Amino acid sequence: MPLLEAMAHDVPVVAYASTAVPETAAGAALLVDDKSPTVLAAAVHRVISDPPLAAGLVAAGRRRLGELGLEASSRRLEAALAHILTASGVAPAGLPGGRA
């Protein structure tokens, strides 16, 4: 959640490339593989000293939030359910809103 919160506040994200961070960020963060504080500090300095990089990360963060937002997630879930229902021989019109 901290990644998404930073993105929601237009803060460029620098994070360790561990656990689900790379999948969550999906290109909207400068990821650091080495857990050294010096390496992390260098990455933060890079973002602070490179306004086009920072702006690019902010823009990518906005796009990523759109991909992970409730409406986009709902559409993907609805499409997946429609696919499952159709494959099962059930009419997708049974989904909420009557959409497939």
PDB file of N, CA and C in Angstrom:
ATOM      1  N   MET A   1       0.795  -1.202   0.000  1.00  0.00           N
ATOM      2  CA  MET A   1       0.000   0.000   0.000  1.00  0.00           C
ATOM      3  C   MET A   1       0.844   1.277   0.000  1.00  0.00           C
ATOM      4  N   PRO A   2       1.980   1.332   0.686  1.00  0.00           N
ATOM      5  CA  PRO A   2       2.746   2.583   0.655  1.00  0.00           C
ATOM      6  C   PRO A   2       3.130   3.012  -0.763  1.00  0.00           C
ATOM      7  N   LEU A   3       3.410   2.040  -1.645  1.00  0.00           N
ATOM      8  CA  LEU A   3       3.728   2.401  -3.025  1.00  0.00           C
ATOM      9  C   LEU A   3       2.556   3.135  -3.662  1.00  0.00           C
ATOM     10  N   LEU A   4       1.370   2.564  -3.512  1.00  0.00           N
ATOM     11  CA  LEU A   4       0.178   3.148  -4.122  1.00  0.00           C
ATOM     12  C   LEU A   4      -0.171   4.483  -3.483  1.00  0.00           C
ATOM     13  N   GLU A   5       0.032   4.594  -2.178  1.00  0.00           N
ATOM     14  CA  GLU A   5      -0.229   5.866  -1.503  1.00  0.00           C
ATOM     15  C   GLU A   5       0.705   6.944  -2.029  1.00  0.00           C
ATOM     16  N   ALA A   6       1.969   6.618  -2.215  1.00  0.00           N
ATOM     17  CA  ALA A   6       2.914   7.591  -2.768  1.00  0.00           C
ATOM     18  C   ALA A   6       2.486   7.988  -4.175  1.00  0.00           C
ATOM     19  N   MET A   7       2.114   7.015  -4.985  1.00  0.00           N
ATOM     20  CA  MET A   7       1.661   7.308  -6.347  1.00  0.00           C
ATOM     21  C   MET A   7       0.426   8.208  -6.335  1.00  0.00           C
ATOM     22  N   ALA A   8      -0.492   7.951  -5.410  1.00  0.00           N
ATOM     23  CA  ALA A   8      -1.723   8.737  -5.322  1.00  0.00           C
ATOM     24  C   ALA A   8      -1.443  10.191  -4.954  1.00  0.00           C
ATOM     25  N   HIS A   9      -0.290  10.441  -4.331  1.00  0.00           N
ATOM     26  CA  HIS A   9       0.076  11.803  -3.932  1.00  0.00           C
ATOM     27  C   HIS A   9       1.143  12.394  -4.853  1.00  0.00           C
ATOM     28  N   ASP A  10       1.301  11.788  -6.035  1.00  0.00           N
ATOM     29  CA  ASP A  10       2.266  12.263  -7.032  1.00  0.00           C
ATOM     30  C   ASP A  10       3.687  12.348  -6.499  1.00  0.00           C
ATOM     31  N   VAL A  11       4.065  11.340  -5.719  1.00  0.00           N
ATOM     32  CA  VAL A  11       5.427  11.245  -5.205  1.00  0.00           C
ATOM     33  C   VAL A  11       6.161  10.180  -6.018  1.00  0.00           C
ATOM     34  N   PRO A  12       7.308  10.511  -6.617  1.00  0.00           N
ATOM     35  CA  PRO A  12       8.053   9.479  -7.335  1.00  0.00           C
ATOM     36  C   PRO A  12       8.500   8.391  -6.359  1.00  0.00           C
ATOM     37  N   VAL A  13       8.384   7.154  -6.785  1.00  0.00           N
ATOM     38  CA  VAL A  13       8.647   6.024  -5.894  1.00  0.00           C
ATOM     39  C   VAL A  13      10.019   5.427  -6.157  1.00  0.00           C
ATOM     40  N   VAL A  14      10.771   5.252  -5.084  1.00  0.00           N
ATOM     41  CA  VAL A  14      12.024   4.497  -5.073  1.00  0.00           C
ATOM     42  C   VAL A  14      11.805   3.397  -4.052  1.00  0.00           C
ATOM     43  N   ALA A  15      12.041   2.146  -4.445  1.00  0.00           N
ATOM     44  CA  ALA A  15      11.743   1.033  -3.537  1.00  0.00           C
ATOM     45  C   ALA A  15      12.685  -0.137  -3.790  1.00  0.00           C
ATOM     46  N   TYR A  16      12.799  -0.970  -2.773  1.00  0.00           N
ATOM     47  CA  TYR A  16      13.557  -2.208  -2.924  1.00  0.00           C
ATOM     48  C   TYR A  16      12.773  -3.173  -3.807  1.00  0.00           C
ATOM     49  N   ALA A  17      13.464  -3.873  -4.662  1.00  0.00           N
ATOM     50  CA  ALA A  17      12.850  -4.852  -5.550  1.00  0.00           C
ATOM     51  C   ALA A  17      12.709  -6.176  -4.809  1.00  0.00           C
ATOM     52  N   SER A  18      11.770  -6.212  -3.872  1.00  0.00           N
ATOM     53  CA  SER A  18      11.568  -7.435  -3.098  1.00  0.00           C
ATOM     54  C   SER A  18      10.082  -7.712  -2.960  1.00  0.00           C
ATOM     55  N   THR A  19       9.757  -8.885  -2.530  1.00  0.00           N
ATOM     56  CA  THR A  19       8.374  -9.369  -2.366  1.00  0.00           C
ATOM     57  C   THR A  19       7.545  -8.998  -3.595  1.00  0.00           C
ATOM     58  N   ALA A  20       6.409  -8.353  -3.418  1.00  0.00           N
ATOM     59  CA  ALA A  20       5.517  -8.033  -4.539  1.00  0.00           C
ATOM     60  C   ALA A  20       5.732  -6.628  -5.083  1.00  0.00           C
ATOM     61  N   VAL A  21       6.787  -5.967  -4.660  1.00  0.00           N
ATOM     62  CA  VAL A  21       7.023  -4.585  -5.082  1.00  0.00           C
ATOM     63  C   VAL A  21       7.160  -4.465  -6.602  1.00  0.00           C
ATOM     64  N   PRO A  22       7.977  -5.289  -7.268  1.00  0.00           N
ATOM     65  CA  PRO A  22       8.087  -5.130  -8.722  1.00  0.00           C
ATOM     66  C   PRO A  22       6.745  -5.303  -9.450  1.00  0.00           C
ATOM     67  N   GLU A  23       5.935  -6.272  -9.011  1.00  0.00           N
ATOM     68  CA  GLU A  23       4.644  -6.492  -9.649  1.00  0.00           C
ATOM     69  C   GLU A  23       3.685  -5.349  -9.365  1.00  0.00           C
ATOM     70  N   THR A  24       3.724  -4.827  -8.155  1.00  0.00           N
ATOM     71  CA  THR A  24       2.841  -3.720  -7.793  1.00  0.00           C
ATOM     72  C   THR A  24       3.244  -2.453  -8.545  1.00  0.00           C
ATOM     73  N   ALA A  25       4.523  -2.171  -8.578  1.00  0.00           N
ATOM     74  CA  ALA A  25       4.998  -0.956  -9.233  1.00  0.00           C
ATOM     75  C   ALA A  25       4.854  -1.037 -10.752  1.00  0.00           C
ATOM     76  N   ALA A  26       5.136  -2.189 -11.310  1.00  0.00           N
ATOM     77  CA  ALA A  26       5.008  -2.423 -12.757  1.00  0.00           C
ATOM     78  C   ALA A  26       5.597  -1.286 -13.591  1.00  0.00           C
ATOM     79  N   GLY A  27       6.838  -0.934 -13.305  1.00  0.00           N
ATOM     80  CA  GLY A  27       7.510   0.098 -14.084  1.00  0.00           C
ATOM     81  C   GLY A  27       7.282   1.517 -13.595  1.00  0.00           C
ATOM     82  N   ALA A  28       6.501   1.682 -12.541  1.00  0.00           N
ATOM     83  CA  ALA A  28       6.192   3.025 -12.036  1.00  0.00           C
ATOM     84  C   ALA A  28       7.042   3.390 -10.828  1.00  0.00           C
ATOM     85  N   ALA A  29       8.174   2.730 -10.670  1.00  0.00           N
ATOM     86  CA  ALA A  29       9.074   3.024  -9.554  1.00  0.00           C
ATOM     87  C   ALA A  29      10.502   2.736  -9.986  1.00  0.00           C
ATOM     88  N   LEU A  30      11.429   3.428  -9.367  1.00  0.00           N
ATOM     89  CA  LEU A  30      12.837   3.122  -9.547  1.00  0.00           C
ATOM     90  C   LEU A  30      13.155   2.047  -8.511  1.00  0.00           C
ATOM     91  N   LEU A  31      13.435   0.845  -8.978  1.00  0.00           N
ATOM     92  CA  LEU A  31      13.649  -0.280  -8.071  1.00  0.00           C
ATOM     93  C   LEU A  31      15.134  -0.498  -7.824  1.00  0.00           C
ATOM     94  N   VAL A  32      15.453  -0.850  -6.584  1.00  0.00           N
ATOM     95  CA  VAL A  32      16.827  -1.078  -6.151  1.00  0.00           C
ATOM     96  C   VAL A  32      16.947  -2.533  -5.718  1.00  0.00           C
ATOM     97  N   ASP A  33      17.897  -3.251  -6.305  1.00  0.00           N
ATOM     98  CA  ASP A  33      18.089  -4.663  -5.967  1.00  0.00           C
ATOM     99  C   ASP A  33      18.932  -4.851  -4.714  1.00  0.00           C
ATOM    100  N   ASP A  34      19.906  -3.987  -4.540  1.00  0.00           N
ATOM    101  CA  ASP A  34      20.834  -4.081  -3.412  1.00  0.00           C
ATOM    102  C   ASP A  34      20.200  -3.416  -2.190  1.00  0.00           C
ATOM    103  N   LYS A  35      20.165  -4.117  -1.058  1.00  0.00           N
ATOM    104  CA  LYS A  35      19.531  -3.562   0.147  1.00  0.00           C
ATOM    105  C   LYS A  35      20.446  -2.640   0.956  1.00  0.00           C
ATOM    106  N   SER A  36      21.520  -2.234   0.368  1.00  0.00           N
ATOM    107  CA  SER A  36      22.446  -1.328   1.039  1.00  0.00           C
ATOM    108  C   SER A  36      21.821   0.064   1.161  1.00  0.00           C
ATOM    109  N   PRO A  37      21.883   0.679   2.335  1.00  0.00           N
ATOM    110  CA  PRO A  37      21.372   2.048   2.482  1.00  0.00           C
ATOM    111  C   PRO A  37      22.058   3.030   1.539  1.00  0.00           C
ATOM    112  N   THR A  38      23.327   2.796   1.246  1.00  0.00           N
ATOM    113  CA  THR A  38      24.059   3.675   0.336  1.00  0.00           C
ATOM    114  C   THR A  38      23.483   3.601  -1.070  1.00  0.00           C
ATOM    115  N   VAL A  39      23.138   2.404  -1.512  1.00  0.00           N
ATOM    116  CA  VAL A  39      22.556   2.224  -2.844  1.00  0.00           C
ATOM    117  C   VAL A  39      21.170   2.865  -2.891  1.00  0.00           C
ATOM    118  N   LEU A  40      20.380   2.683  -1.844  1.00  0.00           N
ATOM    119  CA  LEU A  40      19.053   3.292  -1.782  1.00  0.00           C
ATOM    120  C   LEU A  40      19.170   4.818  -1.799  1.00  0.00           C
ATOM    121  N   ALA A  41      20.094   5.362  -1.021  1.00  0.00           N
ATOM    122  CA  ALA A  41      20.299   6.809  -0.983  1.00  0.00           C
ATOM    123  C   ALA A  41      20.712   7.334  -2.357  1.00  0.00           C
ATOM    124  N   ALA A  42      21.547   6.594  -3.061  1.00  0.00           N
ATOM    125  CA  ALA A  42      21.968   7.007  -4.403  1.00  0.00           C
ATOM    126  C   ALA A  42      20.774   7.031  -5.357  1.00  0.00           C
ATOM    127  N   ALA A  43      19.873   6.068  -5.230  1.00  0.00           N
ATOM    128  CA  ALA A  43      18.684   6.035  -6.082  1.00  0.00           C
ATOM    129  C   ALA A  43      17.765   7.217  -5.777  1.00  0.00           C
ATOM    130  N   VAL A  44      17.585   7.528  -4.502  1.00  0.00           N
ATOM    131  CA  VAL A  44      16.769   8.687  -4.114  1.00  0.00           C
ATOM    132  C   VAL A  44      17.413   9.965  -4.652  1.00  0.00           C
ATOM    133  N   HIS A  45      18.716  10.079  -4.510  1.00  0.00           N
ATOM    134  CA  HIS A  45      19.432  11.252  -5.018  1.00  0.00           C
ATOM    135  C   HIS A  45      19.255  11.370  -6.529  1.00  0.00           C
ATOM    136  N   ARG A  46      19.318  10.257  -7.210  1.00  0.00           N
ATOM    137  CA  ARG A  46      19.131  10.258  -8.674  1.00  0.00           C
ATOM    138  C   ARG A  46      17.772  10.845  -9.041  1.00  0.00           C
ATOM    139  N   VAL A  47      16.716  10.436  -8.343  1.00  0.00           N
ATOM    140  CA  VAL A  47      15.370  10.940  -8.636  1.00  0.00           C
ATOM    141  C   VAL A  47      15.277  12.429  -8.308  1.00  0.00           C
ATOM    142  N   ILE A  48      15.828  12.829  -7.176  1.00  0.00           N
ATOM    143  CA  ILE A  48      15.774  14.241  -6.767  1.00  0.00           C
ATOM    144  C   ILE A  48      16.538  15.128  -7.748  1.00  0.00           C
ATOM    145  N   SER A  49      17.645  14.637  -8.255  1.00  0.00           N
ATOM    146  CA  SER A  49      18.493  15.460  -9.117  1.00  0.00           C
ATOM    147  C   SER A  49      18.146  15.345 -10.602  1.00  0.00           C
ATOM    148  N   ASP A  50      17.154  14.536 -10.939  1.00  0.00           N
ATOM    149  CA  ASP A  50      16.770  14.347 -12.347  1.00  0.00           C
ATOM    150  C   ASP A  50      15.269  14.600 -12.495  1.00  0.00           C
ATOM    151  N   PRO A  51      14.876  15.889 -12.654  1.00  0.00           N
ATOM    152  CA  PRO A  51      13.443  16.208 -12.749  1.00  0.00           C
ATOM    153  C   PRO A  51      12.684  15.434 -13.835  1.00  0.00           C
ATOM    154  N   PRO A  52      13.265  15.208 -15.026  1.00  0.00           N
ATOM    155  CA  PRO A  52      12.523  14.411 -16.010  1.00  0.00           C
ATOM    156  C   PRO A  52      12.272  12.969 -15.532  1.00  0.00           C
ATOM    157  N   LEU A  53      13.238  12.385 -14.823  1.00  0.00           N
ATOM    158  CA  LEU A  53      13.033  11.047 -14.262  1.00  0.00           C
ATOM    159  C   LEU A  53      11.920  11.085 -13.226  1.00  0.00           C
ATOM    160  N   ALA A  54      11.960  12.060 -12.327  1.00  0.00           N
ATOM    161  CA  ALA A  54      10.926  12.183 -11.296  1.00  0.00           C
ATOM    162  C   ALA A  54       9.553  12.366 -11.935  1.00  0.00           C
ATOM    163  N   ALA A  55       9.458  13.233 -12.934  1.00  0.00           N
ATOM    164  CA  ALA A  55       8.176  13.467 -13.615  1.00  0.00           C
ATOM    165  C   ALA A  55       7.693  12.202 -14.312  1.00  0.00           C
ATOM    166  N   GLY A  56       8.603  11.458 -14.901  1.00  0.00           N
ATOM    167  CA  GLY A  56       8.237  10.199 -15.557  1.00  0.00           C
ATOM    168  C   GLY A  56       7.709   9.172 -14.569  1.00  0.00           C
ATOM    169  N   LEU A  57       8.331   9.115 -13.399  1.00  0.00           N
ATOM    170  CA  LEU A  57       7.857   8.182 -12.369  1.00  0.00           C
ATOM    171  C   LEU A  57       6.482   8.592 -11.850  1.00  0.00           C
ATOM    172  N   VAL A  58       6.259   9.887 -11.697  1.00  0.00           N
ATOM    173  CA  VAL A  58       4.948  10.374 -11.244  1.00  0.00           C
ATOM    174  C   VAL A  58       3.882  10.021 -12.282  1.00  0.00           C
ATOM    175  N   ALA A  59       4.176  10.268 -13.552  1.00  0.00           N
ATOM    176  CA  ALA A  59       3.216   9.953 -14.620  1.00  0.00           C
ATOM    177  C   ALA A  59       2.947   8.456 -14.684  1.00  0.00           C
ATOM    178  N   ALA A  60       3.989   7.652 -14.559  1.00  0.00           N
ATOM    179  CA  ALA A  60       3.819   6.195 -14.575  1.00  0.00           C
ATOM    180  C   ALA A  60       3.006   5.744 -13.359  1.00  0.00           C
ATOM    181  N   GLY A  61       3.205   6.413 -12.228  1.00  0.00           N
ATOM    182  CA  GLY A  61       2.437   6.094 -11.029  1.00  0.00           C
ATOM    183  C   GLY A  61       0.959   6.368 -11.214  1.00  0.00           C
ATOM    184  N   ARG A  62       0.636   7.478 -11.871  1.00  0.00           N
ATOM    185  CA  ARG A  62      -0.771   7.790 -12.150  1.00  0.00           C
ATOM    186  C   ARG A  62      -1.394   6.721 -13.038  1.00  0.00           C
ATOM    187  N   ARG A  63      -0.641   6.328 -14.075  1.00  0.00           N
ATOM    188  CA  ARG A  63      -1.154   5.270 -14.971  1.00  0.00           C
ATOM    189  C   ARG A  63      -1.359   3.970 -14.196  1.00  0.00           C
ATOM    190  N   ARG A  64      -0.394   3.635 -13.361  1.00  0.00           N
ATOM    191  CA  ARG A  64      -0.484   2.386 -12.599  1.00  0.00           C
ATOM    192  C   ARG A  64      -1.679   2.405 -11.657  1.00  0.00           C
ATOM    193  N   LEU A  65      -1.931   3.534 -11.021  1.00  0.00           N
ATOM    194  CA  LEU A  65      -3.105   3.647 -10.155  1.00  0.00           C
ATOM    195  C   LEU A  65      -4.382   3.407 -10.940  1.00  0.00           C
ATOM    196  N   GLY A  66      -4.428   3.921 -12.168  1.00  0.00           N
ATOM    197  CA  GLY A  66      -5.593   3.692 -13.018  1.00  0.00           C
ATOM    198  C   GLY A  66      -5.788   2.220 -13.324  1.00  0.00           C
ATOM    199  N   GLU A  67      -4.679   1.501 -13.497  1.00  0.00           N
ATOM    200  CA  GLU A  67      -4.752   0.060 -13.773  1.00  0.00           C
ATOM    201  C   GLU A  67      -5.209  -0.720 -12.547  1.00  0.00           C
ATOM    202  N   LEU A  68      -4.860  -0.229 -11.373  1.00  0.00           N
ATOM    203  CA  LEU A  68      -5.173  -0.955 -10.140  1.00  0.00           C
ATOM    204  C   LEU A  68      -6.413  -0.425  -9.436  1.00  0.00           C
ATOM    205  N   GLY A  69      -7.023   0.617  -9.978  1.00  0.00           N
ATOM    206  CA  GLY A  69      -8.184   1.219  -9.342  1.00  0.00           C
ATOM    207  C   GLY A  69      -9.379   0.284  -9.274  1.00  0.00           C
ATOM    208  N   LEU A  70     -10.329   0.644  -8.439  1.00  0.00           N
ATOM    209  CA  LEU A  70     -11.510  -0.170  -8.223  1.00  0.00           C
ATOM    210  C   LEU A  70     -12.285  -0.414  -9.512  1.00  0.00           C
ATOM    211  N   GLU A  71     -12.472   0.636 -10.305  1.00  0.00           N
ATOM    212  CA  GLU A  71     -13.254   0.476 -11.534  1.00  0.00           C
ATOM    213  C   GLU A  71     -12.549  -0.459 -12.517  1.00  0.00           C
ATOM    214  N   ALA A  72     -11.265  -0.271 -12.715  1.00  0.00           N
ATOM    215  CA  ALA A  72     -10.521  -1.129 -13.631  1.00  0.00           C
ATOM    216  C   ALA A  72     -10.499  -2.564 -13.122  1.00  0.00           C
ATOM    217  N   SER A  73     -10.303  -2.743 -11.824  1.00  0.00           N
ATOM    218  CA  SER A  73     -10.306  -4.089 -11.248  1.00  0.00           C
ATOM    219  C   SER A  73     -11.672  -4.743 -11.401  1.00  0.00           C
ATOM    220  N   SER A  74     -12.721  -3.962 -11.208  1.00  0.00           N
ATOM    221  CA  SER A  74     -14.083  -4.486 -11.352  1.00  0.00           C
ATOM    222  C   SER A  74     -14.341  -4.947 -12.778  1.00  0.00           C
ATOM    223  N   ARG A  75     -13.880  -4.162 -13.750  1.00  0.00           N
ATOM    224  CA  ARG A  75     -14.061  -4.552 -15.162  1.00  0.00           C
ATOM    225  C   ARG A  75     -13.318  -5.841 -15.469  1.00  0.00           C
ATOM    226  N   ARG A  76     -12.084  -5.984 -14.962  1.00  0.00           N
ATOM    227  CA  ARG A  76     -11.327  -7.213 -15.210  1.00  0.00           C
ATOM    228  C   ARG A  76     -12.000  -8.412 -14.554  1.00  0.00           C
ATOM    229  N   LEU A  77     -12.504  -8.236 -13.334  1.00  0.00           N
ATOM    230  CA  LEU A  77     -13.202  -9.320 -12.645  1.00  0.00           C
ATOM    231  C   LEU A  77     -14.466  -9.698 -13.399  1.00  0.00           C
ATOM    232  N   GLU A  78     -15.216  -8.703 -13.841  1.00  0.00           N
ATOM    233  CA  GLU A  78     -16.444  -8.953 -14.580  1.00  0.00           C
ATOM    234  C   GLU A  78     -16.156  -9.719 -15.879  1.00  0.00           C
ATOM    235  N   ALA A  79     -15.106  -9.331 -16.577  1.00  0.00           N
ATOM    236  CA  ALA A  79     -14.733 -10.030 -17.812  1.00  0.00           C
ATOM    237  C   ALA A  79     -14.319 -11.467 -17.522  1.00  0.00           C
ATOM    238  N   ALA A  80     -13.576 -11.660 -16.453  1.00  0.00           N
ATOM    239  CA  ALA A  80     -13.164 -13.024 -16.089  1.00  0.00           C
ATOM    240  C   ALA A  80     -14.367 -13.883 -15.731  1.00  0.00           C
ATOM    241  N   LEU A  81     -15.299 -13.308 -14.977  1.00  0.00           N
ATOM    242  CA  LEU A  81     -16.511 -14.059 -14.623  1.00  0.00           C
ATOM    243  C   LEU A  81     -17.348 -14.381 -15.856  1.00  0.00           C
ATOM    244  N   ALA A  82     -17.455 -13.426 -16.771  1.00  0.00           N
ATOM    245  CA  ALA A  82     -18.205 -13.666 -18.003  1.00  0.00           C
ATOM    246  C   ALA A  82     -17.573 -14.806 -18.785  1.00  0.00           C
ATOM    247  N   HIS A  83     -16.252 -14.821 -18.836  1.00  0.00           N
ATOM    248  CA  HIS A  83     -15.544 -15.900 -19.539  1.00  0.00           C
ATOM    249  C   HIS A  83     -15.830 -17.254 -18.891  1.00  0.00           C
ATOM    250  N   ILE A  84     -15.759 -17.297 -17.583  1.00  0.00           N
ATOM    251  CA  ILE A  84     -16.017 -18.549 -16.853  1.00  0.00           C
ATOM    252  C   ILE A  84     -17.455 -19.001 -17.067  1.00  0.00           C
ATOM    253  N   LEU A  85     -18.392 -18.068 -16.969  1.00  0.00           N
ATOM    254  CA  LEU A  85     -19.800 -18.417 -17.151  1.00  0.00           C
ATOM    255  C   LEU A  85     -20.071 -18.908 -18.565  1.00  0.00           C
ATOM    256  N   THR A  86     -19.501 -18.240 -19.546  1.00  0.00           N
ATOM    257  CA  THR A  86     -19.692 -18.649 -20.934  1.00  0.00           C
ATOM    258  C   THR A  86     -19.109 -20.036 -21.161  1.00  0.00           C
ATOM    259  N   ALA A  87     -17.913 -20.278 -20.630  1.00  0.00           N
ATOM    260  CA  ALA A  87     -17.287 -21.593 -20.770  1.00  0.00           C
ATOM    261  C   ALA A  87     -18.089 -22.679 -20.065  1.00  0.00           C
ATOM    262  N   SER A  88     -18.852 -22.288 -19.040  1.00  0.00           N
ATOM    263  CA  SER A  88     -19.674 -23.242 -18.293  1.00  0.00           C
ATOM    264  C   SER A  88     -21.066 -23.400 -18.896  1.00  0.00           C
ATOM    265  N   GLY A  89     -21.350 -22.631 -19.953  1.00  0.00           N
ATOM    266  CA  GLY A  89     -22.656 -22.699 -20.580  1.00  0.00           C
ATOM    267  C   GLY A  89     -23.714 -21.852 -19.901  1.00  0.00           C
ATOM    268  N   VAL A  90     -23.318 -20.955 -19.030  1.00  0.00           N
ATOM    269  CA  VAL A  90     -24.252 -20.067 -18.341  1.00  0.00           C
ATOM    270  C   VAL A  90     -24.204 -18.714 -19.041  1.00  0.00           C
ATOM    271  N   ALA A  91     -25.355 -18.091 -19.238  1.00  0.00           N
ATOM    272  CA  ALA A  91     -25.411 -16.796 -19.922  1.00  0.00           C
ATOM    273  C   ALA A  91     -24.737 -15.718 -19.082  1.00  0.00           C
ATOM    274  N   PRO A  92     -23.757 -14.988 -19.660  1.00  0.00           N
ATOM    275  CA  PRO A  92     -23.097 -13.926 -18.911  1.00  0.00           C
ATOM    276  C   PRO A  92     -24.038 -12.797 -18.515  1.00  0.00           C
ATOM    277  N   ALA A  93     -25.219 -12.736 -19.078  1.00  0.00           N
ATOM    278  CA  ALA A  93     -26.157 -11.682 -18.710  1.00  0.00           C
ATOM    279  C   ALA A  93     -26.532 -11.761 -17.238  1.00  0.00           C
ATOM    280  N   GLY A  94     -26.189 -12.857 -16.586  1.00  0.00           N
ATOM    281  CA  GLY A  94     -26.475 -13.010 -15.169  1.00  0.00           C
ATOM    282  C   GLY A  94     -25.554 -12.189 -14.281  1.00  0.00           C
ATOM    283  N   LEU A  95     -24.567 -11.518 -14.890  1.00  0.00           N
ATOM    284  CA  LEU A  95     -23.674 -10.678 -14.104  1.00  0.00           C
ATOM    285  C   LEU A  95     -24.387  -9.411 -13.686  1.00  0.00           C
ATOM    286  N   PRO A  96     -23.942  -8.785 -12.601  1.00  0.00           N
ATOM    287  CA  PRO A  96     -24.563  -7.527 -12.170  1.00  0.00           C
ATOM    288  C   PRO A  96     -24.569  -6.521 -13.321  1.00  0.00           C
ATOM    289  N   GLY A  97     -25.669  -5.847 -13.496  1.00  0.00           N
ATOM    290  CA  GLY A  97     -25.772  -4.860 -14.574  1.00  0.00           C
ATOM    291  C   GLY A  97     -26.102  -5.481 -15.905  1.00  0.00           C
ATOM    292  N   GLY A  98     -26.200  -6.794 -15.991  1.00  0.00           N
ATOM    293  CA  GLY A  98     -26.553  -7.465 -17.230  1.00  0.00           C
ATOM    294  C   GLY A  98     -25.494  -7.351 -18.319  1.00  0.00           C
ATOM    295  N   ARG A  99     -24.247  -7.031 -17.930  1.00  0.00           N
ATOM    296  CA  ARG A  99     -23.177  -6.883 -18.918  1.00  0.00           C
ATOM    297  C   ARG A  99     -22.349  -8.146 -18.982  1.00  0.00           C
ATOM    298  N   ALA A 100     -21.735  -8.337 -20.113  1.00  0.00           N
ATOM    299  CA  ALA A 100     -20.831  -9.485 -20.277  1.00  0.00           C
ATOM    300  C   ALA A 100     -19.408  -9.022 -20.264  1.00  0.00           C
TER     301      ALA A 100
END
